[in-house]
Amino acid sequence: MKVGGGGILLPQYSAYKVATQLFQLQSLFPGRIEAGVGRSPGRNETNRTMDLLSTQ
């Protein structure tokens, strides 16, 4: 049985750290860990600036 979901913000972590953690999980729970990579448009600088201005 596979239950759960998660996400990793790849630009904020080293590829080595992500791979190590996934390998450790696979060792603890064989056959129950799946990983993939996707794309997200993310946030642009304009939206980030507007958020900062609205919190001041």
N, C-alpha and C. Protein backbone atom coordinates (compact mmCIF):
# COMPACT_ATOMS: atom_id res chain seq x y z
N MET A 1 0.85 -1.16 0.00
CA MET A 1 0.00 0.00 0.00
C MET A 1 0.90 1.23 0.00
N LYS A 2 0.56 2.17 -0.85
CA LYS A 2 1.28 3.43 -0.92
C LYS A 2 0.33 4.55 -0.54
N VAL A 3 0.70 5.29 0.49
CA VAL A 3 -0.17 6.37 0.98
C VAL A 3 0.68 7.60 1.20
N GLY A 4 0.14 8.75 0.84
CA GLY A 4 0.83 10.00 1.16
C GLY A 4 1.35 10.69 -0.08
N GLY A 5 1.82 11.85 0.13
CA GLY A 5 2.38 12.65 -0.94
C GLY A 5 3.27 13.71 -0.36
N GLY A 6 4.08 14.26 -1.17
CA GLY A 6 4.98 15.29 -0.67
C GLY A 6 5.63 16.02 -1.82
N GLY A 7 6.33 17.04 -1.50
CA GLY A 7 7.04 17.81 -2.51
C GLY A 7 8.34 18.34 -1.96
N ILE A 8 9.29 18.49 -2.83
CA ILE A 8 10.61 19.01 -2.45
C ILE A 8 10.90 20.18 -3.39
N LEU A 9 11.22 21.31 -2.84
CA LEU A 9 11.60 22.47 -3.66
C LEU A 9 13.07 22.30 -4.05
N LEU A 10 13.28 21.74 -5.23
CA LEU A 10 14.64 21.39 -5.64
C LEU A 10 15.63 22.55 -5.66
N PRO A 11 15.24 23.77 -6.05
CA PRO A 11 16.23 24.84 -6.03
C PRO A 11 16.73 25.20 -4.63
N GLN A 12 16.02 24.77 -3.59
CA GLN A 12 16.42 25.14 -2.24
C GLN A 12 17.24 24.07 -1.53
N TYR A 13 17.45 22.93 -2.17
CA TYR A 13 18.23 21.84 -1.57
C TYR A 13 19.22 21.31 -2.59
N SER A 14 20.33 20.79 -2.10
CA SER A 14 21.28 20.20 -3.03
C SER A 14 20.74 18.87 -3.54
N ALA A 15 21.09 18.55 -4.78
CA ALA A 15 20.64 17.30 -5.39
C ALA A 15 21.13 16.11 -4.57
N TYR A 16 22.32 16.22 -4.01
CA TYR A 16 22.88 15.13 -3.19
C TYR A 16 22.03 14.89 -1.95
N LYS A 17 21.62 15.96 -1.28
CA LYS A 17 20.80 15.82 -0.06
C LYS A 17 19.46 15.17 -0.38
N VAL A 18 18.82 15.60 -1.46
CA VAL A 18 17.53 15.03 -1.85
C VAL A 18 17.68 13.55 -2.18
N ALA A 19 18.69 13.21 -2.97
CA ALA A 19 18.91 11.81 -3.35
C ALA A 19 19.22 10.95 -2.13
N THR A 20 19.99 11.47 -1.19
CA THR A 20 20.33 10.72 0.02
C THR A 20 19.08 10.44 0.86
N GLN A 21 18.24 11.44 1.02
CA GLN A 21 17.03 11.25 1.81
C GLN A 21 16.07 10.27 1.15
N LEU A 22 15.93 10.35 -0.16
CA LEU A 22 15.07 9.41 -0.86
C LEU A 22 15.62 7.98 -0.76
N PHE A 23 16.92 7.84 -0.86
CA PHE A 23 17.55 6.53 -0.73
C PHE A 23 17.33 5.95 0.67
N GLN A 24 17.45 6.79 1.69
CA GLN A 24 17.21 6.32 3.06
C GLN A 24 15.76 5.87 3.24
N LEU A 25 14.82 6.63 2.72
CA LEU A 25 13.42 6.23 2.81
C LEU A 25 13.18 4.92 2.08
N GLN A 26 13.80 4.76 0.91
CA GLN A 26 13.64 3.52 0.15
C GLN A 26 14.23 2.34 0.92
N SER A 27 15.31 2.57 1.65
CA SER A 27 15.91 1.50 2.46
C SER A 27 14.99 1.10 3.61
N LEU A 28 14.33 2.10 4.21
CA LEU A 28 13.44 1.82 5.34
C LEU A 28 12.12 1.20 4.89
N PHE A 29 11.62 1.62 3.73
CA PHE A 29 10.32 1.17 3.24
C PHE A 29 10.44 0.69 1.80
N PRO A 30 11.03 -0.49 1.59
CA PRO A 30 11.27 -0.98 0.23
C PRO A 30 9.98 -1.10 -0.59
N GLY A 31 10.04 -0.59 -1.81
CA GLY A 31 8.91 -0.70 -2.71
C GLY A 31 7.76 0.25 -2.43
N ARG A 32 7.92 1.13 -1.45
CA ARG A 32 6.81 2.02 -1.09
C ARG A 32 7.12 3.49 -1.36
N ILE A 33 8.28 3.78 -1.90
CA ILE A 33 8.66 5.16 -2.16
C ILE A 33 8.76 5.38 -3.66
N GLU A 34 8.10 6.42 -4.13
CA GLU A 34 8.20 6.82 -5.52
C GLU A 34 8.60 8.28 -5.56
N ALA A 35 9.44 8.63 -6.50
CA ALA A 35 9.87 10.02 -6.61
C ALA A 35 9.82 10.43 -8.08
N GLY A 36 9.54 11.68 -8.31
CA GLY A 36 9.51 12.21 -9.66
C GLY A 36 9.85 13.68 -9.64
N VAL A 37 10.05 14.22 -10.79
CA VAL A 37 10.40 15.64 -10.91
C VAL A 37 9.39 16.27 -11.85
N GLY A 38 8.89 17.42 -11.45
CA GLY A 38 7.93 18.14 -12.28
C GLY A 38 8.33 19.60 -12.40
N ARG A 39 7.55 20.30 -13.15
CA ARG A 39 7.81 21.73 -13.33
C ARG A 39 6.68 22.55 -12.73
N SER A 40 7.03 23.69 -12.26
CA SER A 40 6.04 24.62 -11.73
C SER A 40 6.42 26.01 -12.21
N PRO A 41 5.44 26.82 -12.54
CA PRO A 41 5.79 28.16 -13.00
C PRO A 41 6.42 29.01 -11.91
N GLY A 42 6.18 28.64 -10.66
CA GLY A 42 6.76 29.41 -9.57
C GLY A 42 6.16 30.80 -9.50
N ARG A 43 6.82 31.66 -8.75
CA ARG A 43 6.34 33.03 -8.60
C ARG A 43 7.34 33.96 -9.26
N ASN A 44 6.82 34.95 -9.91
CA ASN A 44 7.73 35.91 -10.52
C ASN A 44 8.05 37.04 -9.55
N GLU A 45 8.98 37.86 -9.93
CA GLU A 45 9.45 38.93 -9.05
C GLU A 45 8.36 39.95 -8.75
N THR A 46 7.47 40.19 -9.70
CA THR A 46 6.39 41.17 -9.48
C THR A 46 5.47 40.71 -8.36
N ASN A 47 5.05 39.45 -8.40
CA ASN A 47 4.17 38.93 -7.35
C ASN A 47 4.86 38.96 -5.99
N ARG A 48 6.11 38.63 -5.96
CA ARG A 48 6.87 38.61 -4.71
C ARG A 48 6.94 40.03 -4.13
N THR A 49 7.18 41.01 -4.98
CA THR A 49 7.27 42.40 -4.53
C THR A 49 5.91 42.89 -4.01
N MET A 50 4.85 42.53 -4.72
CA MET A 50 3.50 42.95 -4.29
C MET A 50 3.17 42.35 -2.92
N ASP A 51 3.56 41.11 -2.70
CA ASP A 51 3.32 40.48 -1.40
C ASP A 51 4.09 41.22 -0.29
N LEU A 52 5.33 41.57 -0.57
CA LEU A 52 6.12 42.29 0.43
C LEU A 52 5.51 43.65 0.75
N LEU A 53 5.03 44.35 -0.26
CA LEU A 53 4.46 45.67 -0.05
C LEU A 53 3.14 45.59 0.71
N SER A 54 2.37 44.54 0.48
CA SER A 54 1.08 44.44 1.14
C SER A 54 1.19 44.06 2.61
N THR A 55 2.33 43.56 3.04
CA THR A 55 2.50 43.18 4.44
C THR A 55 3.09 44.30 5.28
N GLN A 56 3.47 45.38 4.65
CA GLN A 56 4.09 46.49 5.39
C GLN A 56 3.07 47.44 5.93
